[in-house]
PDB file of N, CA and C in Angstrom:
ATOM      1  N   UNK A   1     -39.290   2.977  46.111  1.00  0.00           N
ATOM      2  CA  UNK A   1     -39.695   4.195  46.807  1.00  0.00           C
ATOM      3  C   UNK A   1     -38.437   4.970  47.173  1.00  0.00           C
ATOM      4  N   UNK A   2     -38.443   6.242  46.860  1.00  0.00           N
ATOM      5  CA  UNK A   2     -37.259   7.051  47.158  1.00  0.00           C
ATOM      6  C   UNK A   2     -37.240   7.501  48.615  1.00  0.00           C
ATOM      7  N   UNK A   3     -36.129   8.120  48.994  1.00  0.00           N
ATOM      8  CA  UNK A   3     -35.949   8.549  50.387  1.00  0.00           C
ATOM      9  C   UNK A   3     -37.025   9.525  50.840  1.00  0.00           C
ATOM     10  N   UNK A   4     -37.408  10.449  49.948  1.00  0.00           N
ATOM     11  CA  UNK A   4     -38.424  11.442  50.327  1.00  0.00           C
ATOM     12  C   UNK A   4     -39.751  10.755  50.635  1.00  0.00           C
ATOM     13  N   UNK A   5     -40.111   9.763  49.837  1.00  0.00           N
ATOM     14  CA  UNK A   5     -41.360   9.036  50.086  1.00  0.00           C
ATOM     15  C   UNK A   5     -41.294   8.292  51.421  1.00  0.00           C
ATOM     16  N   UNK A   6     -40.147   7.725  51.714  1.00  0.00           N
ATOM     17  CA  UNK A   6     -39.990   7.020  52.990  1.00  0.00           C
ATOM     18  C   UNK A   6     -40.119   7.985  54.166  1.00  0.00           C
ATOM     19  N   UNK A   7     -39.600   9.177  53.983  1.00  0.00           N
ATOM     20  CA  UNK A   7     -39.714  10.195  55.035  1.00  0.00           C
ATOM     21  C   UNK A   7     -41.182  10.531  55.278  1.00  0.00           C
ATOM     22  N   UNK A   8     -41.942  10.718  54.182  1.00  0.00           N
ATOM     23  CA  UNK A   8     -43.368  11.028  54.334  1.00  0.00           C
ATOM     24  C   UNK A   8     -44.127   9.853  54.932  1.00  0.00           C
ATOM     25  N   UNK A   9     -43.747   8.630  54.575  1.00  0.00           N
ATOM     26  CA  UNK A   9     -44.371   7.448  55.174  1.00  0.00           C
ATOM     27  C   UNK A   9     -44.128   7.438  56.685  1.00  0.00           C
ATOM     28  N   UNK A  10     -42.917   7.773  57.104  1.00  0.00           N
ATOM     29  CA  UNK A  10     -42.594   7.819  58.531  1.00  0.00           C
ATOM     30  C   UNK A  10     -43.394   8.913  59.235  1.00  0.00           C
ATOM     31  N   UNK A  11     -43.497  10.065  58.584  1.00  0.00           N
ATOM     32  CA  UNK A  11     -44.272  11.169  59.173  1.00  0.00           C
ATOM     33  C   UNK A  11     -45.735  10.771  59.324  1.00  0.00           C
ATOM     34  N   UNK A  12     -46.272  10.060  58.334  1.00  0.00           N
ATOM     35  CA  UNK A  12     -47.664   9.608  58.394  1.00  0.00           C
ATOM     36  C   UNK A  12     -47.841   8.629  59.548  1.00  0.00           C
ATOM     37  N   UNK A  13     -46.923   7.712  59.678  1.00  0.00           N
ATOM     38  CA  UNK A  13     -46.988   6.721  60.758  1.00  0.00           C
ATOM     39  C   UNK A  13     -46.944   7.407  62.124  1.00  0.00           C
ATOM     40  N   UNK A  14     -46.019   8.352  62.290  1.00  0.00           N
ATOM     41  CA  UNK A  14     -45.907   9.076  63.565  1.00  0.00           C
ATOM     42  C   UNK A  14     -47.164   9.886  63.862  1.00  0.00           C
ATOM     43  N   UNK A  15     -47.723  10.525  62.835  1.00  0.00           N
ATOM     44  CA  UNK A  15     -48.933  11.327  63.032  1.00  0.00           C
ATOM     45  C   UNK A  15     -50.108  10.441  63.432  1.00  0.00           C
ATOM     46  N   UNK A  16     -50.220   9.254  62.821  1.00  0.00           N
ATOM     47  CA  UNK A  16     -51.299   8.327  63.191  1.00  0.00           C
ATOM     48  C   UNK A  16     -51.149   7.885  64.642  1.00  0.00           C
ATOM     49  N   UNK A  17     -49.927   7.588  65.037  1.00  0.00           N
ATOM     50  CA  UNK A  17     -49.676   7.189  66.427  1.00  0.00           C
ATOM     51  C   UNK A  17     -50.037   8.324  67.378  1.00  0.00           C
ATOM     52  N   UNK A  18     -49.645   9.529  67.001  1.00  0.00           N
ATOM     53  CA  UNK A  18     -49.912  10.696  67.845  1.00  0.00           C
ATOM     54  C   UNK A  18     -51.409  10.927  67.997  1.00  0.00           C
ATOM     55  N   UNK A  19     -52.150  10.818  66.895  1.00  0.00           N
ATOM     56  CA  UNK A  19     -53.602  11.000  66.952  1.00  0.00           C
ATOM     57  C   UNK A  19     -54.215   9.940  67.861  1.00  0.00           C
ATOM     58  N   UNK A  20     -53.745   8.704  67.741  1.00  0.00           N
ATOM     59  CA  UNK A  20     -54.259   7.629  68.588  1.00  0.00           C
ATOM     60  C   UNK A  20     -54.028   7.889  70.066  1.00  0.00           C
ATOM     61  N   UNK A  21     -52.824   8.316  70.399  1.00  0.00           N
ATOM     62  CA  UNK A  21     -52.509   8.624  71.793  1.00  0.00           C
ATOM     63  C   UNK A  21     -53.345   9.788  72.322  1.00  0.00           C
ATOM     64  N   UNK A  22     -53.477  10.814  71.497  1.00  0.00           N
ATOM     65  CA  UNK A  22     -54.257  11.981  71.914  1.00  0.00           C
ATOM     66  C   UNK A  22     -55.733  11.629  72.098  1.00  0.00           C
ATOM     67  N   UNK A  23     -56.262  10.784  71.227  1.00  0.00           N
ATOM     68  CA  UNK A  23     -57.664  10.374  71.373  1.00  0.00           C
ATOM     69  C   UNK A  23     -57.858   9.576  72.660  1.00  0.00           C
ATOM     70  N   UNK A  24     -56.858   8.799  73.015  1.00  0.00           N
ATOM     71  CA  UNK A  24     -56.915   8.052  74.271  1.00  0.00           C
ATOM     72  C   UNK A  24     -56.917   9.015  75.457  1.00  0.00           C
ATOM     73  N   UNK A  25     -56.035  10.016  75.402  1.00  0.00           N
ATOM     74  CA  UNK A  25     -55.993  11.034  76.463  1.00  0.00           C
ATOM     75  C   UNK A  25     -57.321  11.776  76.550  1.00  0.00           C
ATOM     76  N   UNK A  26     -57.873  12.117  75.391  1.00  0.00           N
ATOM     77  CA  UNK A  26     -59.140  12.850  75.360  1.00  0.00           C
ATOM     78  C   UNK A  26     -60.257  12.017  75.984  1.00  0.00           C
ATOM     79  N   UNK A  27     -60.248  10.734  75.715  1.00  0.00           N
ATOM     80  CA  UNK A  27     -61.246   9.835  76.295  1.00  0.00           C
ATOM     81  C   UNK A  27     -61.155   9.817  77.814  1.00  0.00           C
ATOM     82  N   UNK A  28     -59.937   9.793  78.324  1.00  0.00           N
ATOM     83  CA  UNK A  28     -59.739   9.826  79.776  1.00  0.00           C
ATOM     84  C   UNK A  28     -60.298  11.111  80.379  1.00  0.00           C
ATOM     85  N   UNK A  29     -60.005  12.229  79.724  1.00  0.00           N
ATOM     86  CA  UNK A  29     -60.485  13.518  80.225  1.00  0.00           C
ATOM     87  C   UNK A  29     -62.010  13.568  80.159  1.00  0.00           C
ATOM     88  N   UNK A  30     -62.600  13.038  79.081  1.00  0.00           N
ATOM     89  CA  UNK A  30     -64.068  13.008  78.964  1.00  0.00           C
ATOM     90  C   UNK A  30     -64.680  12.222  80.117  1.00  0.00           C
ATOM     91  N   UNK A  31     -64.079  11.087  80.440  1.00  0.00           N
ATOM     92  CA  UNK A  31     -64.601  10.280  81.548  1.00  0.00           C
ATOM     93  C   UNK A  31     -64.518  11.035  82.871  1.00  0.00           C
ATOM     94  N   UNK A  32     -63.436  11.756  83.081  1.00  0.00           N
ATOM     95  CA  UNK A  32     -63.293  12.558  84.304  1.00  0.00           C
ATOM     96  C   UNK A  32     -64.312  13.693  84.329  1.00  0.00           C
ATOM     97  N   UNK A  33     -64.586  14.250  83.138  1.00  0.00           N
ATOM     98  CA  UNK A  33     -65.553  15.342  83.072  1.00  0.00           C
ATOM     99  C   UNK A  33     -66.986  14.865  83.333  1.00  0.00           C
ATOM    100  N   UNK A  34     -67.252  13.612  83.080  1.00  0.00           N
ATOM    101  CA  UNK A  34     -68.586  13.073  83.383  1.00  0.00           C
ATOM    102  C   UNK A  34     -68.868  13.150  84.871  1.00  0.00           C
ATOM    103  N   UNK A  35     -67.820  12.988  85.669  1.00  0.00           N
ATOM    104  CA  UNK A  35     -67.943  13.031  87.125  1.00  0.00           C
ATOM    105  C   UNK A  35     -67.959  14.477  87.619  1.00  0.00           C
ATOM    106  N   UNK A  36     -67.124  15.305  87.019  1.00  0.00           N
ATOM    107  CA  UNK A  36     -66.970  16.680  87.496  1.00  0.00           C
ATOM    108  C   UNK A  36     -66.986  17.635  86.296  1.00  0.00           C
ATOM    109  N   UNK A  37     -68.163  17.992  85.846  1.00  0.00           N
ATOM    110  CA  UNK A  37     -68.317  18.781  84.623  1.00  0.00           C
ATOM    111  C   UNK A  37     -67.809  20.220  84.721  1.00  0.00           C
ATOM    112  N   UNK A  38     -67.700  20.732  85.891  1.00  0.00           N
ATOM    113  CA  UNK A  38     -67.326  22.143  86.040  1.00  0.00           C
ATOM    114  C   UNK A  38     -65.871  22.343  86.437  1.00  0.00           C
ATOM    115  N   UNK A  39     -65.081  21.306  86.371  1.00  0.00           N
ATOM    116  CA  UNK A  39     -63.667  21.399  86.722  1.00  0.00           C
ATOM    117  C   UNK A  39     -62.947  22.162  85.611  1.00  0.00           C
ATOM    118  N   UNK A  40     -62.502  23.364  85.933  1.00  0.00           N
ATOM    119  CA  UNK A  40     -61.892  24.224  84.914  1.00  0.00           C
ATOM    120  C   UNK A  40     -60.586  23.649  84.366  1.00  0.00           C
ATOM    121  N   UNK A  41     -59.833  22.965  85.212  1.00  0.00           N
ATOM    122  CA  UNK A  41     -58.584  22.353  84.736  1.00  0.00           C
ATOM    123  C   UNK A  41     -58.865  21.257  83.710  1.00  0.00           C
ATOM    124  N   UNK A  42     -59.887  20.452  83.964  1.00  0.00           N
ATOM    125  CA  UNK A  42     -60.250  19.395  83.017  1.00  0.00           C
ATOM    126  C   UNK A  42     -60.783  19.986  81.714  1.00  0.00           C
ATOM    127  N   UNK A  43     -61.568  21.040  81.824  1.00  0.00           N
ATOM    128  CA  UNK A  43     -62.087  21.698  80.617  1.00  0.00           C
ATOM    129  C   UNK A  43     -60.947  22.279  79.783  1.00  0.00           C
ATOM    130  N   UNK A  44     -59.989  22.868  80.468  1.00  0.00           N
ATOM    131  CA  UNK A  44     -58.817  23.417  79.781  1.00  0.00           C
ATOM    132  C   UNK A  44     -58.029  22.293  79.101  1.00  0.00           C
ATOM    133  N   UNK A  45     -57.840  21.195  79.801  1.00  0.00           N
ATOM    134  CA  UNK A  45     -57.112  20.040  79.250  1.00  0.00           C
ATOM    135  C   UNK A  45     -57.860  19.470  78.046  1.00  0.00           C
ATOM    136  N   UNK A  46     -59.187  19.416  78.136  1.00  0.00           N
ATOM    137  CA  UNK A  46     -60.015  18.932  77.032  1.00  0.00           C
ATOM    138  C   UNK A  46     -59.798  19.794  75.783  1.00  0.00           C
ATOM    139  N   UNK A  47     -59.830  21.093  75.956  1.00  0.00           N
ATOM    140  CA  UNK A  47     -59.620  22.010  74.833  1.00  0.00           C
ATOM    141  C   UNK A  47     -58.215  21.869  74.254  1.00  0.00           C
ATOM    142  N   UNK A  48     -57.233  21.769  75.139  1.00  0.00           N
ATOM    143  CA  UNK A  48     -55.838  21.657  74.710  1.00  0.00           C
ATOM    144  C   UNK A  48     -55.622  20.379  73.889  1.00  0.00           C
ATOM    145  N   UNK A  49     -56.151  19.269  74.363  1.00  0.00           N
ATOM    146  CA  UNK A  49     -55.996  18.001  73.641  1.00  0.00           C
ATOM    147  C   UNK A  49     -56.751  18.051  72.312  1.00  0.00           C
ATOM    148  N   UNK A  50     -57.920  18.657  72.307  1.00  0.00           N
ATOM    149  CA  UNK A  50     -58.699  18.777  71.068  1.00  0.00           C
ATOM    150  C   UNK A  50     -57.924  19.554  70.010  1.00  0.00           C
ATOM    151  N   UNK A  51     -57.266  20.605  70.429  1.00  0.00           N
ATOM    152  CA  UNK A  51     -56.457  21.400  69.495  1.00  0.00           C
ATOM    153  C   UNK A  51     -55.276  20.572  68.989  1.00  0.00           C
ATOM    154  N   UNK A  52     -54.649  19.828  69.879  1.00  0.00           N
ATOM    155  CA  UNK A  52     -53.526  18.976  69.466  1.00  0.00           C
ATOM    156  C   UNK A  52     -53.985  17.914  68.463  1.00  0.00           C
ATOM    157  N   UNK A  53     -55.185  17.357  68.671  1.00  0.00           N
ATOM    158  CA  UNK A  53     -55.719  16.374  67.728  1.00  0.00           C
ATOM    159  C   UNK A  53     -55.946  17.030  66.370  1.00  0.00           C
ATOM    160  N   UNK A  54     -56.474  18.240  66.373  1.00  0.00           N
ATOM    161  CA  UNK A  54     -56.700  18.958  65.110  1.00  0.00           C
ATOM    162  C   UNK A  54     -55.384  19.181  64.371  1.00  0.00           C
ATOM    163  N   UNK A  55     -54.368  19.591  65.095  1.00  0.00           N
ATOM    164  CA  UNK A  55     -53.057  19.831  64.478  1.00  0.00           C
ATOM    165  C   UNK A  55     -52.460  18.538  63.929  1.00  0.00           C
ATOM    166  N   UNK A  56     -52.526  17.476  64.709  1.00  0.00           N
ATOM    167  CA  UNK A  56     -51.970  16.189  64.281  1.00  0.00           C
ATOM    168  C   UNK A  56     -52.738  15.637  63.082  1.00  0.00           C
ATOM    169  N   UNK A  57     -54.048  15.822  63.064  1.00  0.00           N
ATOM    170  CA  UNK A  57     -54.865  15.370  61.942  1.00  0.00           C
ATOM    171  C   UNK A  57     -54.510  16.151  60.686  1.00  0.00           C
ATOM    172  N   UNK A  58     -54.316  17.460  60.840  1.00  0.00           N
ATOM    173  CA  UNK A  58     -53.901  18.285  59.698  1.00  0.00           C
ATOM    174  C   UNK A  58     -52.548  17.810  59.170  1.00  0.00           C
ATOM    175  N   UNK A  59     -51.622  17.567  60.075  1.00  0.00           N
ATOM    176  CA  UNK A  59     -50.290  17.090  59.690  1.00  0.00           C
ATOM    177  C   UNK A  59     -50.393  15.756  58.943  1.00  0.00           C
ATOM    178  N   UNK A  60     -51.223  14.865  59.457  1.00  0.00           N
ATOM    179  CA  UNK A  60     -51.418  13.569  58.827  1.00  0.00           C
ATOM    180  C   UNK A  60     -51.975  13.735  57.411  1.00  0.00           C
ATOM    181  N   UNK A  61     -53.039  14.522  57.276  1.00  0.00           N
ATOM    182  CA  UNK A  61     -53.663  14.722  55.974  1.00  0.00           C
ATOM    183  C   UNK A  61     -52.717  15.419  55.002  1.00  0.00           C
ATOM    184  N   UNK A  62     -51.952  16.354  55.502  1.00  0.00           N
ATOM    185  CA  UNK A  62     -50.996  17.085  54.665  1.00  0.00           C
ATOM    186  C   UNK A  62     -49.938  16.127  54.111  1.00  0.00           C
ATOM    187  N   UNK A  63     -49.372  15.309  54.970  1.00  0.00           N
ATOM    188  CA  UNK A  63     -48.346  14.364  54.535  1.00  0.00           C
ATOM    189  C   UNK A  63     -48.913  13.298  53.601  1.00  0.00           C
ATOM    190  N   UNK A  64     -50.134  12.860  53.859  1.00  0.00           N
ATOM    191  CA  UNK A  64     -50.770  11.897  52.958  1.00  0.00           C
ATOM    192  C   UNK A  64     -50.975  12.522  51.579  1.00  0.00           C
ATOM    193  N   UNK A  65     -51.368  13.778  51.560  1.00  0.00           N
ATOM    194  CA  UNK A  65     -51.582  14.483  50.303  1.00  0.00           C
ATOM    195  C   UNK A  65     -50.279  14.618  49.514  1.00  0.00           C
ATOM    196  N   UNK A  66     -49.228  15.013  50.192  1.00  0.00           N
ATOM    197  CA  UNK A  66     -47.929  15.165  49.530  1.00  0.00           C
ATOM    198  C   UNK A  66     -47.458  13.823  48.981  1.00  0.00           C
ATOM    199  N   UNK A  67     -47.594  12.765  49.772  1.00  0.00           N
ATOM    200  CA  UNK A  67     -47.168  11.440  49.325  1.00  0.00           C
ATOM    201  C   UNK A  67     -47.979  10.995  48.110  1.00  0.00           C
ATOM    202  N   UNK A  68     -49.263  11.265  48.125  1.00  0.00           N
ATOM    203  CA  UNK A  68     -50.125  10.896  46.992  1.00  0.00           C
ATOM    204  C   UNK A  68     -49.678  11.633  45.729  1.00  0.00           C
ATOM    205  N   UNK A  69     -49.419  12.922  45.849  1.00  0.00           N
ATOM    206  CA  UNK A  69     -48.983  13.716  44.697  1.00  0.00           C
ATOM    207  C   UNK A  69     -47.639  13.216  44.186  1.00  0.00           C
ATOM    208  N   UNK A  70     -46.713  12.932  45.100  1.00  0.00           N
ATOM    209  CA  UNK A  70     -45.394  12.410  44.694  1.00  0.00           C
ATOM    210  C   UNK A  70     -45.538  11.089  43.949  1.00  0.00           C
ATOM    211  N   UNK A  71     -46.395  10.219  44.466  1.00  0.00           N
ATOM    212  CA  UNK A  71     -46.590   8.920  43.819  1.00  0.00           C
ATOM    213  C   UNK A  71     -47.226   9.073  42.441  1.00  0.00           C
ATOM    214  N   UNK A  72     -48.170  10.006  42.329  1.00  0.00           N
ATOM    215  CA  UNK A  72     -48.791  10.243  41.030  1.00  0.00           C
ATOM    216  C   UNK A  72     -47.768  10.771  40.036  1.00  0.00           C
ATOM    217  N   UNK A  73     -46.898  11.662  40.486  1.00  0.00           N
ATOM    218  CA  UNK A  73     -45.868  12.197  39.606  1.00  0.00           C
ATOM    219  C   UNK A  73     -44.873  11.107  39.187  1.00  0.00           C
ATOM    220  N   UNK A  74     -44.501  10.281  40.130  1.00  0.00           N
ATOM    221  CA  UNK A  74     -43.569   9.191  39.825  1.00  0.00           C
ATOM    222  C   UNK A  74     -44.200   8.229  38.827  1.00  0.00           C
ATOM    223  N   UNK A  75     -45.471   7.894  39.048  1.00  0.00           N
ATOM    224  CA  UNK A  75     -46.156   6.975  38.147  1.00  0.00           C
ATOM    225  C   UNK A  75     -46.345   7.564  36.760  1.00  0.00           C
ATOM    226  N   UNK A  76     -46.629   8.860  36.680  1.00  0.00           N
ATOM    227  CA  UNK A  76     -46.796   9.491  35.368  1.00  0.00           C
ATOM    228  C   UNK A  76     -45.472   9.566  34.629  1.00  0.00           C
ATOM    229  N   UNK A  77     -44.366   9.748  35.363  1.00  0.00           N
ATOM    230  CA  UNK A  77     -43.042   9.775  34.736  1.00  0.00           C
ATOM    231  C   UNK A  77     -42.626   8.382  34.265  1.00  0.00           C
ATOM    232  N   UNK A  78     -43.052   7.363  34.995  1.00  0.00           N
ATOM    233  CA  UNK A  78     -42.728   5.990  34.601  1.00  0.00           C
ATOM    234  C   UNK A  78     -43.439   5.594  33.309  1.00  0.00           C
ATOM    235  N   UNK A  79     -44.616   6.165  33.077  1.00  0.00           N
ATOM    236  CA  UNK A  79     -45.388   5.846  31.876  1.00  0.00           C
ATOM    237  C   UNK A  79     -44.825   6.545  30.656  1.00  0.00           C
ATOM    238  N   UNK A  80     -44.085   7.610  30.872  1.00  0.00           N
ATOM    239  CA  UNK A  80     -43.542   8.396  29.748  1.00  0.00           C
ATOM    240  C   UNK A  80     -42.358   7.739  29.109  1.00  0.00           C
TER     241      UNK A  80
END
């Protein structure tokens, strides 16, 4: 595996960790919202974390896609 692939592997690992942490935070906020549904600060935090999860998920999928394409190109070149 070349350096670029290792970089993408690291980015994927970090993005997975980030998504996990954000989902944990979101769960905490959801539990707080069960008690106080109209708390505007909690609602704002819920939206903010949801957006961060979307961004991190996009980053994860993007890096996985790039790594897959790189691996396919490397494998096709090896067959030639």
